[in-house]
């Protein structure tokens, strides 16, 4: 493992970033296999049920994404400060919080599923199959949410190869079991759910083993430290700020889709296709943002102001390079990628009209992505939350002004304004962040 206070180099940045980029690349493969396997049953309802069930659980689990980010920032700082006891305690706090949240979800499953179907009703057949799927998958909630803490902790100690190994193991096992349970044993939708459940719990077991360093000695069961009121309060504050920021960000993208739906079905479909380019961008740039989280967090913990600046600059240089490369790929290969995602001539034509925005998005948005990583590492989450509130207010104003003037071009321009505002509001606060390291 890299020394927390070792010199920050481009090699170190890439050592953290590249496994994350590779592990993110495996995520869409699993979804495609899940869909393809149930598609072999020759009926539409199972495909809809697996897709709907996965979306419902993903939306619920997403709420706990703060656990990954908060754990990374706090654990990286503890490691940078040389506080091995607190590093191990943070892992235990995260695991306990994740496990407890998962148990609450199991107990509250009837209400959760009722709410989900009330918001997104389906045919009786699809809903029945989706319930079968969810009633199996929900038992993996403690493992899935606890894995957020494990992933965050591994990033904090710069063991992102472990994160890659986790993804490969879980997705690979899930795919093998999908094929066996559905195509071999004929278990249908339930087979897909059982395969994922087994992969989740086996992933937790592997994750705990990968974090074995955090359980060394007796510090992992230092309950006085683990349940220390001040440390718990700090963790709660950091995680609450991140959750508010994330809710606002997701709400902004949801608003984008809702406003787009008023511009016609073809425009809505074209926007949905182009949003996949933004998802690819997020997957690709996550690695460099995570590098910033780990390295800035370690530098803040060590009270090394120069290292904070160096980590921020080096990680951002790679982020900018990646963003420019993605923008060029989208601009040059975008038409071909659009044709792969849609066979409708109208949707293809409309998506080409707005392709320039998807090509510009990585370059325009890279500052916001990288500053997010820097602020999470420094646990300047209140400032990040406030910057998001300001940015969303600017975004809403841009929607009111630009959409009536420019239609869907105005909608995309407003989304670019959101990312510019995020970059500027975070960048404006950055000197204070750096000056506060002492």
Protein backbone atom coordinates (compact mmCIF):
# COMPACT_ATOMS: atom_id res chain seq x y z
CA UNK A 1 0.00 0.00 0.00
CA UNK A 2 1.20 3.50 -0.84
CA UNK A 3 2.47 5.57 2.09
CA UNK A 4 -0.18 8.20 2.86
CA UNK A 5 2.46 10.94 2.90
CA UNK A 6 4.47 9.75 -0.11
CA UNK A 7 5.15 12.32 -2.85
CA UNK A 8 2.13 13.00 -5.06
CA UNK A 9 3.00 11.98 -8.63
CA UNK A 10 1.15 11.39 -11.86
CA UNK A 11 1.86 7.68 -11.43
CA UNK A 12 0.13 7.73 -8.05
CA UNK A 13 -2.88 9.56 -9.48
CA UNK A 14 -3.25 6.99 -12.26
CA UNK A 15 -2.73 4.09 -9.87
CA UNK A 16 -5.86 5.22 -8.05
CA UNK A 17 -7.87 6.32 -11.09
CA UNK A 18 -7.44 3.57 -13.69
CA UNK A 19 -8.89 0.66 -11.64
CA UNK A 20 -11.98 2.81 -10.99
CA UNK A 21 -12.40 3.57 -14.69
CA UNK A 22 -12.08 -0.14 -15.50
CA UNK A 23 -14.47 -1.22 -12.74
CA UNK A 24 -17.07 1.33 -13.91
CA UNK A 25 -16.83 -0.13 -17.41
CA UNK A 26 -18.17 -3.47 -16.08
CA UNK A 27 -21.39 -1.96 -14.68
CA UNK A 28 -23.44 -1.70 -17.92
CA UNK A 29 -22.39 -5.22 -18.94
CA UNK A 30 -24.32 -6.77 -16.05
CA UNK A 31 -27.49 -4.86 -16.91
CA UNK A 32 -27.25 -6.01 -20.51
CA UNK A 33 -26.83 -9.67 -19.44
CA UNK A 34 -29.76 -9.48 -17.00
CA UNK A 35 -31.95 -8.14 -19.80
CA UNK A 36 -30.62 -10.59 -22.38
CA UNK A 37 -31.08 -13.64 -20.16
CA UNK A 38 -34.72 -12.95 -19.29
CA UNK A 39 -35.25 -11.94 -22.91
CA UNK A 40 -34.61 -15.56 -23.84
CA UNK A 41 -37.87 -16.47 -22.09
CA UNK A 42 -39.71 -15.01 -25.09
CA UNK A 43 -42.04 -12.76 -23.06
CA UNK A 44 -42.10 -9.03 -22.49
CA UNK A 45 -43.28 -9.06 -18.86
CA UNK A 46 -40.12 -10.64 -17.34
CA UNK A 47 -37.91 -8.09 -19.10
CA UNK A 48 -40.03 -5.24 -17.77
CA UNK A 49 -40.10 -6.75 -14.27
CA UNK A 50 -36.32 -7.12 -13.99
CA UNK A 51 -35.77 -3.63 -15.39
CA UNK A 52 -38.37 -2.06 -13.13
CA UNK A 53 -37.16 -3.92 -10.03
CA UNK A 54 -33.55 -2.94 -10.66
CA UNK A 55 -34.51 0.73 -11.13
CA UNK A 56 -36.56 0.78 -7.92
CA UNK A 57 -33.75 -0.69 -5.83
CA UNK A 58 -31.11 1.46 -7.49
CA UNK A 59 -33.13 4.58 -6.68
CA UNK A 60 -33.46 3.53 -3.02
CA UNK A 61 -29.82 2.49 -2.69
CA UNK A 62 -28.72 5.72 -4.35
CA UNK A 63 -29.89 7.60 -1.25
CA UNK A 64 -27.05 5.92 0.66
CA UNK A 65 -24.37 6.92 -1.84
CA UNK A 66 -23.25 9.52 0.69
CA UNK A 67 -21.79 6.67 2.74
CA UNK A 68 -19.20 5.98 0.04
CA UNK A 69 -18.15 9.61 -0.33
CA UNK A 70 -18.20 10.48 3.35
CA UNK A 71 -16.18 7.40 4.26
CA UNK A 72 -13.55 8.22 1.64
CA UNK A 73 -13.00 11.79 2.83
CA UNK A 74 -12.93 11.03 6.56
CA UNK A 75 -10.82 7.86 6.26
CA UNK A 76 -8.32 9.52 3.92
CA UNK A 77 -7.85 12.34 6.43
CA UNK A 78 -7.42 9.92 9.34
CA UNK A 79 -4.86 7.97 7.32
CA UNK A 80 -3.00 11.14 6.35
CA UNK A 81 -2.85 12.10 10.02
CA UNK A 82 -1.38 8.69 10.87
CA UNK A 83 -4.40 7.86 13.05
CA UNK A 84 -4.73 4.13 12.39
CA UNK A 85 -7.21 3.70 15.25
CA UNK A 86 -9.63 6.21 13.71
CA UNK A 87 -9.10 4.74 10.22
CA UNK A 88 -10.27 1.35 11.50
CA UNK A 89 -13.09 2.89 13.53
CA UNK A 90 -14.42 4.67 10.43
CA UNK A 91 -14.60 1.36 8.60
CA UNK A 92 -16.61 -0.15 11.44
CA UNK A 93 -18.93 2.87 11.64
CA UNK A 94 -19.59 2.61 7.93
CA UNK A 95 -20.27 -1.12 8.08
CA UNK A 96 -22.60 -0.74 11.07
CA UNK A 97 -24.45 2.16 9.44
CA UNK A 98 -24.79 0.30 6.16
CA UNK A 99 -25.94 -2.92 7.80
CA UNK A 100 -28.48 -1.09 9.98
CA UNK A 101 -29.87 0.85 7.02
CA UNK A 102 -30.25 -2.42 5.11
CA UNK A 103 -32.12 -4.05 7.98
CA UNK A 104 -34.47 -1.06 8.17
CA UNK A 105 -35.17 -1.49 4.45
CA UNK A 106 -36.05 -5.17 4.98
CA UNK A 107 -38.46 -4.28 7.79
CA UNK A 108 -40.01 -1.42 5.78
CA UNK A 109 -40.15 -3.27 2.46
CA UNK A 110 -43.94 -3.35 2.15
CA UNK A 111 -44.18 0.42 2.45
CA UNK A 112 -41.20 0.98 0.13
CA UNK A 113 -42.63 -1.24 -2.60
CA UNK A 114 -46.10 0.24 -2.25
CA UNK A 115 -44.67 3.73 -2.69
CA UNK A 116 -42.60 2.66 -5.69
CA UNK A 117 -45.58 1.13 -7.50
CA UNK A 118 -47.76 4.14 -6.64
CA UNK A 119 -45.23 6.41 -8.32
CA UNK A 120 -44.61 4.08 -11.27
CA UNK A 121 -47.61 1.78 -11.88
CA UNK A 122 -47.29 -1.17 -14.25
CA UNK A 123 -49.52 -3.89 -15.67
CA UNK A 124 -50.71 -6.50 -13.13
CA UNK A 125 -48.41 -9.16 -14.66
CA UNK A 126 -45.30 -6.96 -14.61
CA UNK A 127 -46.07 -5.71 -11.10
CA UNK A 128 -46.51 -9.25 -9.78
CA UNK A 129 -43.20 -10.38 -11.29
CA UNK A 130 -41.47 -7.24 -10.04
CA UNK A 131 -42.71 -7.94 -6.50
CA UNK A 132 -41.29 -11.46 -6.72
CA UNK A 133 -37.97 -9.97 -7.80
CA UNK A 134 -37.93 -7.30 -5.09
CA UNK A 135 -38.93 -9.66 -2.28
CA UNK A 136 -35.77 -11.66 -2.99
CA UNK A 137 -33.40 -8.79 -3.75
CA UNK A 138 -34.35 -6.80 -0.62
CA UNK A 139 -32.50 -9.35 1.53
CA UNK A 140 -29.28 -8.11 -0.03
CA UNK A 141 -29.83 -4.54 1.21
CA UNK A 142 -27.50 -4.78 4.26
CA UNK A 143 -24.69 -6.14 2.08
CA UNK A 144 -25.20 -3.63 -0.74
CA UNK A 145 -25.27 -0.55 1.48
CA UNK A 146 -22.37 -1.80 3.63
CA UNK A 147 -20.37 -2.19 0.40
CA UNK A 148 -20.61 1.59 -0.09
CA UNK A 149 -18.56 1.99 3.10
CA UNK A 150 -16.08 -0.67 2.01
CA UNK A 151 -15.64 0.95 -1.40
CA UNK A 152 -15.11 4.37 0.17
CA UNK A 153 -12.59 2.98 2.63
CA UNK A 154 -10.61 1.17 -0.06
CA UNK A 155 -10.44 4.37 -2.13
CA UNK A 156 -9.27 6.29 0.95
CA UNK A 157 -6.33 3.92 1.51
CA UNK A 158 -5.58 3.95 -2.24
CA UNK A 159 -6.48 0.31 -2.84
CA UNK A 160 -8.66 0.88 -5.86
CA UNK A 161 -7.46 -2.39 -7.36
CA UNK A 162 -9.54 -3.92 -4.59
CA UNK A 163 -12.57 -1.97 -5.84
CA UNK A 164 -11.91 -3.32 -9.34
CA UNK A 165 -11.59 -6.86 -7.98
CA UNK A 166 -14.88 -6.47 -6.12
CA UNK A 167 -16.71 -5.34 -9.26
CA UNK A 168 -15.21 -8.09 -11.39
CA UNK A 169 -16.07 -10.74 -8.80
CA UNK A 170 -19.63 -9.58 -8.16
CA UNK A 171 -20.56 -8.90 -11.78
CA UNK A 172 -18.81 -12.03 -13.05
CA UNK A 173 -20.47 -14.29 -10.47
CA UNK A 174 -23.81 -12.61 -11.13
CA UNK A 175 -23.54 -13.26 -14.87
CA UNK A 176 -22.56 -16.94 -14.40
CA UNK A 177 -25.42 -17.51 -11.95
CA UNK A 178 -27.84 -15.67 -14.25
CA UNK A 179 -27.05 -18.08 -17.05
CA UNK A 180 -27.28 -21.12 -14.78
CA UNK A 181 -30.42 -20.21 -12.84
CA UNK A 182 -32.44 -18.78 -15.74
CA UNK A 183 -31.32 -20.66 -18.84
CA UNK A 184 -30.20 -23.86 -17.10
CA UNK A 185 -32.72 -24.28 -14.29
CA UNK A 186 -35.57 -22.20 -15.71
CA UNK A 187 -36.06 -20.09 -12.58
CA UNK A 188 -37.00 -16.98 -14.57
CA UNK A 189 -37.19 -13.61 -12.83
CA UNK A 190 -36.58 -15.22 -9.44
CA UNK A 191 -33.36 -16.72 -10.81
CA UNK A 192 -32.04 -13.29 -11.75
CA UNK A 193 -32.89 -11.98 -8.28
CA UNK A 194 -31.25 -14.93 -6.48
CA UNK A 195 -28.12 -14.58 -8.62
CA UNK A 196 -27.80 -10.92 -7.64
CA UNK A 197 -28.50 -11.68 -3.97
CA UNK A 198 -25.71 -14.27 -3.84
CA UNK A 199 -23.33 -11.91 -5.65
CA UNK A 200 -24.08 -9.11 -3.17
CA UNK A 201 -23.40 -11.15 -0.04
CA UNK A 202 -20.33 -12.82 -1.51
CA UNK A 203 -19.13 -9.33 -2.50
CA UNK A 204 -19.51 -8.17 1.09
CA UNK A 205 -17.46 -11.15 2.30
CA UNK A 206 -14.73 -10.40 -0.24
CA UNK A 207 -14.86 -6.70 0.64
CA UNK A 208 -14.37 -7.40 4.35
CA UNK A 209 -11.36 -9.58 3.47
CA UNK A 210 -9.92 -6.82 1.28
CA UNK A 211 -10.28 -4.44 4.24
CA UNK A 212 -8.62 -6.87 6.67
CA UNK A 213 -5.97 -4.27 7.48
CA UNK A 214 -8.70 -2.23 9.16
CA UNK A 215 -9.46 -5.13 11.49
CA UNK A 216 -5.85 -5.59 12.63
CA UNK A 217 -5.34 -5.84 16.37
CA UNK A 218 -8.16 -4.74 18.64
CA UNK A 219 -8.93 -1.31 17.21
CA UNK A 220 -11.82 -2.53 15.08
CA UNK A 221 -13.80 -3.27 18.27
CA UNK A 222 -12.88 -0.14 20.23
CA UNK A 223 -16.55 0.62 20.85
CA UNK A 224 -15.80 3.75 22.90
CA UNK A 225 -14.10 5.29 19.87
CA UNK A 226 -16.53 3.88 17.31
CA UNK A 227 -19.53 5.35 19.14
CA UNK A 228 -17.79 8.56 20.22
CA UNK A 229 -20.45 11.29 20.09
CA UNK A 230 -18.25 13.96 18.49
CA UNK A 231 -16.97 11.66 15.76
CA UNK A 232 -20.48 10.37 15.05
CA UNK A 233 -21.75 13.95 14.85
CA UNK A 234 -19.00 14.85 12.37
CA UNK A 235 -19.80 11.79 10.23
CA UNK A 236 -23.51 12.65 10.31
CA UNK A 237 -22.84 16.25 9.28
CA UNK A 238 -20.59 15.25 6.37
CA UNK A 239 -23.01 12.61 5.12
CA UNK A 240 -26.06 14.88 5.46
CA UNK A 241 -24.40 17.64 3.43
CA UNK A 242 -23.43 15.17 0.70
CA UNK A 243 -26.94 13.71 0.60
CA UNK A 244 -28.54 17.17 0.19
CA UNK A 245 -26.08 18.00 -2.57
CA UNK A 246 -26.80 14.71 -4.34
CA UNK A 247 -30.58 15.10 -4.06
CA UNK A 248 -30.31 18.56 -5.65
CA UNK A 249 -28.11 17.25 -8.45
CA UNK A 250 -30.43 14.35 -9.22
CA UNK A 251 -33.41 16.68 -9.06
CA UNK A 252 -31.74 18.89 -11.66
CA UNK A 253 -31.37 16.00 -14.10
CA UNK A 254 -34.94 14.86 -13.39
CA UNK A 255 -36.14 18.39 -14.16
CA UNK A 256 -34.18 18.26 -17.41
CA UNK A 257 -36.11 15.11 -18.41
CA UNK A 258 -39.48 16.50 -17.34
CA UNK A 259 -38.99 19.77 -19.25
CA UNK A 260 -37.77 17.76 -22.25
CA UNK A 261 -40.93 15.64 -22.19
CA UNK A 262 -42.98 18.77 -22.92
CA UNK A 263 -40.99 19.27 -26.14
CA UNK A 264 -42.34 16.10 -27.78
CA UNK A 265 -41.70 12.36 -27.76
CA UNK A 266 -38.95 12.49 -30.37
CA UNK A 267 -37.05 15.20 -28.51
CA UNK A 268 -37.46 13.33 -25.23
CA UNK A 269 -36.06 10.15 -26.82
CA UNK A 270 -33.17 12.06 -28.39
CA UNK A 271 -32.30 13.63 -25.03
CA UNK A 272 -32.39 10.22 -23.38
CA UNK A 273 -29.93 8.88 -25.95
CA UNK A 274 -27.56 11.82 -25.48
CA UNK A 275 -27.75 11.56 -21.69
CA UNK A 276 -26.03 8.18 -22.06
CA UNK A 277 -22.98 10.16 -23.26
CA UNK A 278 -23.04 12.09 -19.98
CA UNK A 279 -23.28 8.82 -18.06
CA UNK A 280 -20.22 7.53 -19.91
CA UNK A 281 -18.45 10.79 -19.02
CA UNK A 282 -19.27 10.36 -15.34
CA UNK A 283 -18.00 6.77 -15.35
CA UNK A 284 -14.77 7.79 -17.06
CA UNK A 285 -14.01 10.89 -14.97
CA UNK A 286 -14.97 9.27 -11.66
CA UNK A 287 -11.53 7.71 -11.43
CA UNK A 288 -9.75 11.08 -11.45
CA UNK A 289 -12.26 12.61 -9.03
CA UNK A 290 -11.70 9.64 -6.70
CA UNK A 291 -7.95 10.23 -6.96
CA UNK A 292 -8.55 13.78 -5.78
CA UNK A 293 -10.68 12.50 -2.89
CA UNK A 294 -8.00 10.13 -1.63
CA UNK A 295 -4.96 12.36 -2.19
CA UNK A 296 -6.52 15.62 -1.00
CA UNK A 297 -7.98 13.85 2.02
CA UNK A 298 -4.59 12.43 2.93
CA UNK A 299 -2.93 15.83 2.50
CA UNK A 300 -5.55 17.55 4.67
CA UNK A 301 -5.08 14.89 7.36
CA UNK A 302 -1.32 15.48 7.24
CA UNK A 303 -1.93 19.28 7.33
CA UNK A 304 0.16 19.67 4.21
CA UNK A 305 -1.17 22.66 2.27
CA UNK A 306 1.29 22.23 -0.57
CA UNK A 307 0.25 18.61 -1.07
CA UNK A 308 -3.41 19.66 -1.20
CA UNK A 309 -2.63 22.01 -4.10
CA UNK A 310 -0.40 19.44 -5.82
CA UNK A 311 -3.02 16.69 -5.53
CA UNK A 312 -5.75 19.02 -6.80
CA UNK A 313 -3.71 20.14 -9.80
CA UNK A 314 -2.37 16.72 -10.81
CA UNK A 315 -5.72 14.92 -10.56
CA UNK A 316 -7.41 17.79 -12.42
CA UNK A 317 -4.84 17.71 -15.22
CA UNK A 318 -5.77 14.10 -15.94
CA UNK A 319 -9.45 14.93 -15.57
CA UNK A 320 -9.19 17.72 -18.14
CA UNK A 321 -7.24 15.49 -20.53
CA UNK A 322 -9.89 12.80 -20.19
CA UNK A 323 -12.69 15.30 -20.72
CA UNK A 324 -11.13 16.69 -23.90
CA UNK A 325 -10.62 13.18 -25.25
CA UNK A 326 -14.22 12.21 -24.49
CA UNK A 327 -15.52 15.40 -26.09
CA UNK A 328 -13.60 14.66 -29.30
CA UNK A 329 -14.82 11.05 -29.34
CA UNK A 330 -18.43 12.13 -28.89
CA UNK A 331 -18.10 14.78 -31.61
CA UNK A 332 -16.47 12.46 -34.15
CA UNK A 333 -18.10 9.12 -33.31
CA UNK A 334 -21.35 10.51 -31.94
CA UNK A 335 -23.48 9.83 -35.03
CA UNK A 336 -22.40 6.18 -35.08
CA UNK A 337 -23.05 5.83 -31.34
CA UNK A 338 -26.49 7.39 -31.77
CA UNK A 339 -27.31 4.87 -34.51
CA UNK A 340 -26.32 2.02 -32.16
CA UNK A 341 -28.70 3.26 -29.48
CA UNK A 342 -31.72 3.99 -31.65
CA UNK A 343 -33.16 2.65 -34.88
CA UNK A 344 -35.77 5.42 -35.21
CA UNK A 345 -34.88 7.81 -38.09
CA UNK A 346 -36.59 10.71 -36.30
CA UNK A 347 -34.75 10.11 -33.03
CA UNK A 348 -31.42 9.69 -34.84
CA UNK A 349 -31.90 12.97 -36.70
CA UNK A 350 -32.96 14.86 -33.58
CA UNK A 351 -30.07 13.46 -31.53
CA UNK A 352 -27.62 14.60 -34.21
CA UNK A 353 -29.05 18.13 -34.00
CA UNK A 354 -28.21 18.31 -30.29
CA UNK A 355 -25.01 16.22 -30.36
CA UNK A 356 -22.79 19.29 -29.98
CA UNK A 357 -24.07 19.75 -26.42
CA UNK A 358 -23.14 16.18 -25.45
CA UNK A 359 -19.69 16.73 -26.97
CA UNK A 360 -19.19 19.98 -25.04
CA UNK A 361 -20.53 18.56 -21.75
CA UNK A 362 -17.33 16.76 -20.60
CA UNK A 363 -15.17 19.85 -21.15
CA UNK A 364 -17.71 22.21 -19.56
CA UNK A 365 -18.42 19.88 -16.64
CA UNK A 366 -14.91 18.66 -15.75
CA UNK A 367 -14.29 21.49 -13.27
CA UNK A 368 -17.41 20.60 -11.29
CA UNK A 369 -16.52 16.89 -11.23
CA UNK A 370 -12.97 17.51 -10.08
CA UNK A 371 -13.91 20.11 -7.46
CA UNK A 372 -16.46 17.65 -6.08
CA UNK A 373 -13.63 15.16 -5.54
CA UNK A 374 -11.41 17.81 -3.95
CA UNK A 375 -14.13 19.01 -1.58
CA UNK A 376 -15.13 15.47 -0.58
CA UNK A 377 -11.51 14.64 0.23
CA UNK A 378 -11.22 17.80 2.32
CA UNK A 379 -14.69 17.11 3.82
CA UNK A 380 -15.68 20.67 2.95
CA UNK A 381 -19.14 19.28 2.41
CA UNK A 382 -21.07 22.26 3.75
CA UNK A 383 -19.42 24.52 1.19
CA UNK A 384 -20.13 21.92 -1.51
CA UNK A 385 -23.78 21.77 -0.44
CA UNK A 386 -24.11 25.58 -0.48
CA UNK A 387 -22.44 25.81 -3.89
CA UNK A 388 -24.94 23.28 -5.23
CA UNK A 389 -27.88 25.27 -3.83
CA UNK A 390 -26.58 28.40 -5.58
CA UNK A 391 -25.94 26.51 -8.82
CA UNK A 392 -29.40 24.95 -8.91
CA UNK A 393 -30.98 28.38 -8.38
CA UNK A 394 -28.99 29.68 -11.39
CA UNK A 395 -30.02 26.57 -13.37
CA UNK A 396 -33.72 27.11 -12.67
CA UNK A 397 -33.41 30.74 -13.79
CA UNK A 398 -31.62 29.58 -16.96
CA UNK A 399 -34.45 27.14 -17.69
CA UNK A 400 -37.06 29.90 -17.44
CA UNK A 401 -35.07 32.18 -19.75
CA UNK A 402 -33.46 29.84 -22.30
CA UNK A 403 -36.08 27.14 -22.96
CA UNK A 404 -38.79 29.56 -24.22
CA UNK A 405 -36.18 31.27 -26.41
CA UNK A 406 -34.32 28.25 -27.82
CA UNK A 407 -36.45 25.17 -27.16
CA UNK A 408 -34.41 22.01 -26.64
CA UNK A 409 -31.17 23.84 -27.43
CA UNK A 410 -32.08 26.14 -24.55
CA UNK A 411 -32.69 23.13 -22.31
CA UNK A 412 -29.22 21.77 -23.05
CA UNK A 413 -27.72 25.24 -22.65
CA UNK A 414 -29.33 25.47 -19.20
CA UNK A 415 -27.74 22.15 -18.25
CA UNK A 416 -24.37 23.53 -19.32
CA UNK A 417 -25.07 26.64 -17.22
CA UNK A 418 -25.63 24.33 -14.21
CA UNK A 419 -22.21 22.74 -14.65
CA UNK A 420 -20.50 26.09 -15.25
CA UNK A 421 -22.15 27.46 -12.10
CA UNK A 422 -21.04 24.42 -10.09
CA UNK A 423 -17.46 24.85 -11.28
CA UNK A 424 -17.42 28.60 -10.58
CA UNK A 425 -19.07 28.46 -7.15
CA UNK A 426 -16.72 25.70 -6.01
CA UNK A 427 -13.69 27.33 -7.61
CA UNK A 428 -14.49 30.63 -5.88
CA UNK A 429 -14.39 28.85 -2.51
CA UNK A 430 -11.26 26.80 -3.21
CA UNK A 431 -8.68 29.36 -1.94
CA UNK A 432 -10.41 29.29 1.46
CA UNK A 433 -10.26 25.51 1.49
CA UNK A 434 -6.56 25.52 0.79
CA UNK A 435 -5.86 28.32 3.27
CA UNK A 436 -7.70 26.37 5.96
CA UNK A 437 -5.15 23.54 5.83
CA UNK A 438 -2.62 24.19 8.56
